[in-house]
Amino acid sequence: MRVVIAGGHGQIALLLEQQLATRGDAATALVRNPDHFGDVQEAGAVPVLCDLESADLDSVAAYLNGADAAVFAAGAGAGSGAARKDTVDYGAAALFASACVEAGVRRFVQVSTVGIESADSPSVDPEFAVYLKAKKLAEDDLKARDLDWTILRPGPLVDDAPTGLVTLAAPRLPRASVTRADVAAVLAELLDAPNTIGKTIELVNGETPVAEAVRAVL
């Protein structure tokens, strides 16, 4: 399987690239900074220079030609400001999905976040609310497309060692954390999980092995 990953130098993306390389799959990582090529190569993926905030549809589609699946794992990040949350968390996601349609890549897994429904709550920090709204726009855009999509909403991310144990549910789970490594493991399993197509799935650490939890999604 050849997988193209948007946001290919992100922490989850690098862990996913390692997982894919270990199981013999090929990953192409879209990155916006050539200084990050070495990290991507060390993870076992092929880096290509592509800034989704400025790229055009045809150039992104060219990187996707011949791929079996795509993963959107990009994000503007904390402290990036409202404008970049719109151009990355929403705009880049929509462009990447459009490029998949153009290139004929049907399998699409998008990393989103829990808590989207609370974006309008007065208790939510205004900048974080902008992030949640951008993620919601990206989800809605993807759901309207003729792609075999799955949306994964991890809980708050931590850098602890992987547990290999998770809980998955469509659509809601009690709020809890999940390791970035376990998110990457779930993403790798989702690529070959047709039972998750058309589903929005929340993810936290739990008590079920990753592969078993993915297979059990109904």
Protein backbone atom coordinates (compact mmCIF):
# COMPACT_ATOMS: atom_id res chain seq x y z
CA MET A 1 0.00 0.00 0.00
CA ARG A 2 1.20 3.51 -0.82
CA VAL A 3 -0.07 6.21 1.55
CA VAL A 4 0.28 9.98 1.13
CA ILE A 5 0.33 11.90 4.41
CA ALA A 6 -0.41 15.62 4.67
CA GLY A 7 1.39 17.25 7.57
CA GLY A 8 4.11 14.65 7.16
CA HIS A 9 6.48 16.12 9.75
CA GLY A 10 3.94 16.27 12.56
CA GLN A 11 4.46 14.13 15.63
CA ILE A 12 1.62 11.73 14.83
CA ALA A 13 2.58 11.62 11.15
CA LEU A 14 6.18 10.65 11.90
CA LEU A 15 4.98 7.85 14.18
CA LEU A 16 2.54 6.69 11.47
CA GLU A 17 5.34 6.68 8.90
CA GLN A 18 7.38 4.44 11.18
CA GLN A 19 4.44 2.06 11.56
CA LEU A 20 3.85 1.90 7.82
CA ALA A 21 7.54 1.29 7.09
CA THR A 22 7.66 -1.50 9.67
CA ARG A 23 4.80 -3.35 8.00
CA GLY A 24 6.21 -2.85 4.50
CA ASP A 25 3.96 -0.08 3.21
CA ALA A 26 5.26 2.99 1.38
CA ALA A 27 4.56 6.49 2.67
CA THR A 28 4.96 9.82 0.92
CA ALA A 29 5.04 12.75 3.34
CA LEU A 30 4.01 16.26 2.29
CA VAL A 31 6.11 18.75 4.26
CA ARG A 32 6.44 22.53 3.99
CA ASN A 33 10.04 22.87 5.21
CA PRO A 34 12.95 21.11 3.46
CA ASP A 35 14.85 21.16 6.76
CA HIS A 36 12.45 18.43 7.92
CA PHE A 37 13.29 15.97 5.14
CA GLY A 38 15.85 14.13 7.28
CA ASP A 39 13.35 13.40 10.06
CA VAL A 40 10.85 12.06 7.54
CA GLN A 41 13.44 9.86 5.86
CA GLU A 42 14.55 8.54 9.23
CA ALA A 43 10.92 7.59 9.91
CA GLY A 44 10.92 5.54 6.70
CA ALA A 45 8.92 7.81 4.39
CA VAL A 46 9.69 9.77 1.22
CA PRO A 47 9.43 13.53 1.79
CA VAL A 48 8.17 15.94 -0.86
CA LEU A 49 8.04 19.71 -0.58
CA CYS A 50 4.41 20.86 -0.59
CA ASP A 51 2.91 23.75 1.34
CA LEU A 52 -0.84 23.14 1.34
CA GLU A 53 -1.48 26.79 2.19
CA SER A 54 -0.06 27.91 -1.16
CA ALA A 55 -0.14 24.85 -3.43
CA ASP A 56 -2.61 24.48 -6.28
CA LEU A 57 -4.94 21.55 -6.82
CA ASP A 58 -3.07 20.01 -9.75
CA SER A 59 0.29 19.97 -7.98
CA VAL A 60 -1.15 18.28 -4.89
CA ALA A 61 -3.04 15.76 -7.04
CA ALA A 62 0.22 14.90 -8.81
CA TYR A 63 1.72 13.73 -5.52
CA LEU A 64 -1.35 11.55 -4.96
CA ASN A 65 -1.33 9.84 -8.35
CA GLY A 66 -1.05 6.08 -7.89
CA ALA A 67 -1.60 6.18 -4.13
CA ASP A 68 -3.90 3.73 -2.36
CA ALA A 69 -4.86 5.99 0.55
CA ALA A 70 -4.39 9.44 2.02
CA VAL A 71 -4.15 10.69 5.60
CA PHE A 72 -4.69 14.31 6.59
CA ALA A 73 -2.66 14.84 9.76
CA ALA A 74 -1.76 18.52 9.36
CA GLY A 75 -2.55 21.28 11.82
CA ALA A 76 -1.64 24.89 12.34
CA GLY A 77 -0.62 24.22 15.92
CA ALA A 78 -0.93 26.15 19.15
CA GLY A 79 -0.20 29.85 18.97
CA SER A 80 -0.55 29.98 15.20
CA GLY A 81 -3.38 32.52 15.20
CA ALA A 82 -6.92 32.38 13.88
CA ALA A 83 -6.02 32.98 10.23
CA ARG A 84 -3.76 29.93 9.99
CA LYS A 85 -6.29 27.72 11.69
CA ASP A 86 -8.62 28.57 8.83
CA THR A 87 -6.02 28.08 6.10
CA VAL A 88 -4.52 24.87 7.53
CA ASP A 89 -7.06 23.05 9.68
CA TYR A 90 -9.85 23.79 7.21
CA GLY A 91 -8.42 25.10 3.94
CA ALA A 92 -5.55 22.62 3.61
CA ALA A 93 -7.84 19.73 4.53
CA ALA A 94 -10.33 20.73 1.84
CA LEU A 95 -7.57 21.12 -0.76
CA PHE A 96 -6.09 17.73 0.10
CA ALA A 97 -9.52 16.07 -0.16
CA SER A 98 -10.14 17.80 -3.50
CA ALA A 99 -6.78 16.53 -4.74
CA CYS A 100 -7.73 12.99 -3.74
CA VAL A 101 -10.90 13.25 -5.82
CA GLU A 102 -8.84 14.62 -8.72
CA ALA A 103 -6.26 11.80 -8.45
CA GLY A 104 -8.82 9.04 -7.91
CA VAL A 105 -7.61 8.16 -4.39
CA ARG A 106 -10.73 7.02 -2.58
CA ARG A 107 -9.50 6.02 0.88
CA PHE A 108 -9.15 9.11 3.05
CA VAL A 109 -8.55 9.25 6.80
CA GLN A 110 -8.73 12.65 8.49
CA VAL A 111 -7.39 13.47 11.93
CA SER A 112 -9.79 15.81 13.71
CA THR A 113 -10.40 16.39 17.42
CA VAL A 114 -12.89 15.79 20.18
CA GLY A 115 -14.91 18.67 21.54
CA ILE A 116 -16.06 20.17 18.25
CA GLU A 117 -19.61 20.49 19.55
CA SER A 118 -18.44 22.86 22.30
CA ALA A 119 -17.02 25.48 19.91
CA ASP A 120 -19.76 28.00 20.72
CA SER A 121 -19.65 27.49 24.47
CA PRO A 122 -18.77 30.68 26.41
CA SER A 123 -16.43 28.60 28.55
CA VAL A 124 -14.17 27.75 25.59
CA ASP A 125 -11.11 29.93 24.97
CA PRO A 126 -11.80 32.09 21.88
CA GLU A 127 -8.67 31.00 20.01
CA PHE A 128 -9.40 27.34 20.73
CA ALA A 129 -12.98 27.89 19.54
CA VAL A 130 -11.61 29.07 16.18
CA TYR A 131 -9.62 25.84 15.97
CA LEU A 132 -12.67 23.72 16.76
CA LYS A 133 -14.77 25.55 14.17
CA ALA A 134 -12.08 25.04 11.52
CA LYS A 135 -11.98 21.33 12.27
CA LYS A 136 -15.77 21.17 12.04
CA LEU A 137 -15.71 22.89 8.64
CA ALA A 138 -13.11 20.38 7.47
CA GLU A 139 -15.25 17.48 8.67
CA ASP A 140 -18.36 18.82 6.95
CA ASP A 141 -16.42 19.39 3.73
CA LEU A 142 -15.10 15.83 3.75
CA LYS A 143 -18.48 14.27 4.52
CA ALA A 144 -19.95 15.88 1.40
CA ARG A 145 -17.35 14.30 -0.90
CA ASP A 146 -17.52 11.04 -2.82
CA LEU A 147 -14.61 9.47 -0.96
CA ASP A 148 -14.25 6.45 1.33
CA TRP A 149 -13.60 8.65 4.33
CA THR A 150 -13.11 8.05 8.02
CA ILE A 151 -12.77 10.88 10.52
CA LEU A 152 -10.76 10.14 13.67
CA ARG A 153 -11.26 12.38 16.70
CA PRO A 154 -8.55 11.69 19.30
CA GLY A 155 -8.88 12.91 22.86
CA PRO A 156 -6.25 15.21 24.39
CA LEU A 157 -2.84 14.07 23.16
CA VAL A 158 0.03 13.00 25.40
CA ASP A 159 3.59 11.91 24.65
CA ASP A 160 3.62 8.85 26.92
CA ALA A 161 4.81 5.48 25.67
CA PRO A 162 2.28 3.61 23.52
CA THR A 163 -0.07 1.33 25.41
CA GLY A 164 -1.50 -0.55 22.44
CA LEU A 165 -4.85 -0.35 24.21
CA VAL A 166 -7.64 1.99 23.14
CA THR A 167 -11.35 2.65 23.16
CA LEU A 168 -13.08 3.66 19.92
CA ALA A 169 -16.67 4.79 19.60
CA ALA A 170 -18.89 6.45 17.04
CA PRO A 171 -19.71 9.12 17.92
CA ARG A 172 -19.04 9.99 21.59
CA LEU A 173 -16.75 8.96 24.44
CA PRO A 174 -16.13 10.39 27.91
CA ARG A 175 -13.24 12.86 27.76
CA ALA A 176 -9.86 11.17 28.30
CA SER A 177 -6.35 11.34 26.87
CA VAL A 178 -4.59 9.20 24.29
CA THR A 179 -0.93 8.82 23.40
CA ARG A 180 0.23 10.10 20.03
CA ALA A 181 1.77 6.70 19.34
CA ASP A 182 -1.57 4.98 19.89
CA VAL A 183 -3.24 7.47 17.56
CA ALA A 184 -0.69 6.56 14.89
CA ALA A 185 -1.34 2.85 15.46
CA VAL A 186 -5.08 3.38 15.04
CA LEU A 187 -4.53 5.38 11.84
CA ALA A 188 -2.45 2.55 10.37
CA GLU A 189 -5.22 0.06 11.15
CA LEU A 190 -7.97 2.31 9.77
CA LEU A 191 -6.37 2.35 6.32
CA ASP A 192 -7.38 -1.31 5.89
CA ALA A 193 -10.70 -1.13 7.74
CA PRO A 194 -13.65 -0.80 5.34
CA ASN A 195 -16.03 -1.18 8.30
CA THR A 196 -15.04 2.36 9.35
CA ILE A 197 -15.84 4.06 6.04
CA GLY A 198 -18.33 6.89 6.47
CA LYS A 199 -17.87 7.01 10.25
CA THR A 200 -16.69 9.68 12.68
CA ILE A 201 -14.84 7.88 15.46
CA GLU A 202 -13.63 9.14 18.81
CA LEU A 203 -10.46 7.69 20.34
CA VAL A 204 -9.02 7.52 23.87
CA ASN A 205 -6.74 5.08 25.61
CA GLY A 206 -8.63 2.13 26.98
CA GLU A 207 -8.44 -1.64 27.43
CA THR A 208 -8.84 -3.08 23.93
CA PRO A 209 -5.91 -3.89 21.61
CA VAL A 210 -5.79 -1.47 18.66
CA ALA A 211 -6.51 -3.98 15.88
CA GLU A 212 -9.39 -5.54 17.81
CA ALA A 213 -10.89 -2.12 18.60
CA VAL A 214 -10.80 -1.07 14.94
CA ARG A 215 -12.38 -4.32 13.80
CA ALA A 216 -15.18 -3.86 16.33
CA VAL A 217 -16.26 -0.42 15.05
CA LEU A 218 -19.85 -0.73 13.83
